[in-house]
Amino acid sequence: MKKPMTAPGSGSVAVVPLLLVFCLAYMLGLMSSTTFQNLYIYNILSPLLPAASRLQSPPPSPSPPSPLPEAVPCILPPSSPPEQRPPPPSTPSEERRMAFTDFLAPSAGVMHSMTDEELLWRASMAPRMKTMPKHFVAPKIAFLFLVRGDLPLRLLWDKFFQGHEEMYSIYVHASPGYTGSPPPDSPFYGRMIPSQRTMWGHINLLDAERRLLGNALLDLSNAHFALFSESCIPLLDLPAVHAYVAGANTNFVDSVDRVDSRVRHRPYFAEHNISLAQWRKGDQWFMMDRDFALEVISDETYYGPVFRNGKHGVGHMEEHYIPTLVNVLGLGDRNADRPLMYSDWRHAQGPHPKSYNGSVITEELIKEMRRGLPSWNCSYNGEVAEFCALFARKFKPDALGPLLELAPKVMGFG
C-alpha cells in the first residue's frame, strides 16, 4: 500500500503557527507575573516607605483589557497613630480669670529691665475717667526714699508702717553699688528700684526723683507721692498722715519767690520761656498728687531741653526745677507753696539745715517741729492747721534710740 504523499514543506508550515501562539502566551504570562509582583510588593511596602519616595516612584498602573479585582495584601499595613486633639477648654471654675486689681499694681515687684525712657513713657499713661469704680482700692501714699545705702532710722519707719499696709507703698533709690538689704520682715524689703549714680547738688538727683516717681506711678493705687532721705522721720502716725494728705485740696511743694534764689536765674532760662518772675526755689522734699506727678515725669518742654542740658551753668537744680514747674504750668492755685517736711534753715550748718543727734531729742522738739516754721503759711484747706509739718529731717543715726522711746507717747505709734 502506498503511503499518502505529503506536500513538500507542509510540516514546517504547521509548526510556525504553534510557535507564534506559544511565544504570545509566554509573553502574556511574563507581563501578568510582573504586574502582580509590582502590585503585591508596593501594597506591602508602601506604608513603610517615606512619603517623598512614594511620590518620586509611583507604582506602574496596569491596563488590562478587563477590570481586575483589587489585590489585597497578605500583610496589613500598620495603623496610623491616633490624631492628637487639643484638650477641651477649661470651664469658668478652672481657668484663671483676670481680676480688676490685676490692672492696678505690677505683680512682679519693683525691679524691671526698662530704661528711664521706657519707664517714664509707660508711667505717663493715665486713665481718662476721673470717676473710679466703687471697689477701687484705697488710695495710697507712695513713700519715695532717695538714699545712698542703709537706712539708719529704719526701725522707726518700720513701726510707723506696721499694720497699715493698705495705706502706703515704698520705693527706694539707693546707690547702684549698694548690696545691703533690710531683713525680710521689714516693709523696706525688696523695695529697691533700678537705680543710677547720684551726686549732691547734681542734676542726676532730679533724674533719680523722676525715676522714683515713674516707678510709683506704675501702681494705679498710689494717689500721693512724698520724697524722703535717710535722715527723715515721721512726726505723726500713718493714719493721721494719710488722713491729712488725702483730705487736703492742695499739693505741698515748697515754691517761693525769694531774693536769694533769683541769683541763679540766667538769661538762658529767659530765652527758653522761663522769666525771672516765674523763677522759684524750694526744698526738694515734696508731697504731690498723681496729676502733678504725671506732669513732672512727662515734661518734655522744660526738663530735658532747659534744666538738664547744663548749658545754663547753674547747680542745685533740684531746688528749682519742680518749684518753678509749678509756677510755669499755672498750678500755683493747687499748691500750698510750703512743704510738709520740717527743715531748720535758720540755724544752717554750712549748705545744710540744722541737724539733730540723740542728745537733743525731746518731746517739746517734736511738737515744735509739727507747728512748722514761723515763715510758713500753715493753713489747711483755707483754715488754721493744728499741724503744719508731718515729717522732719537731718536726724543723725544716734537719734534712733530716743526717737523709739518717744514714738508711742508723742508720735502715736511704736
Foldseek 3Di string as FASTA:
>chain_A
DDDDDDDPPPVVVVVVVVVVVVVVVVVVVVVVVVLVVQLQVCQVCVLVDDPVVCVVDPGDDDDDPDDDPRDDHPDDRDDDDDDDDDDDDDDPVPDDDDDPQPQFADPPAAEDDDDLVRLLVVLLDDDPDPDDDPPDQAAAEEEEEEEAEDQLQQVQVQFLCPPPVSHYAYAYAYEQPYDDADDPVGSRGRRYYDYYDDDPQAPVVLVSVLVRLSSVSSRNSHWKYWYDYSFKHFLAHRVVVSCQLVPFQAWAFQWDLDPVQLVLDDVLVVVLVQDSVLWTFDDLGIMGTPVVSSCSSPDPRDPVVPPRVCPSVDTNCSGTDSSSVCRVVVVVVRYQNHHLEAFAQVCCDPPGGDADEQVPDDLVVSLVVQQHDPPGPQATNNHHDSGRHGMYGRYDSNNNVVCVVCCCPRRNTD
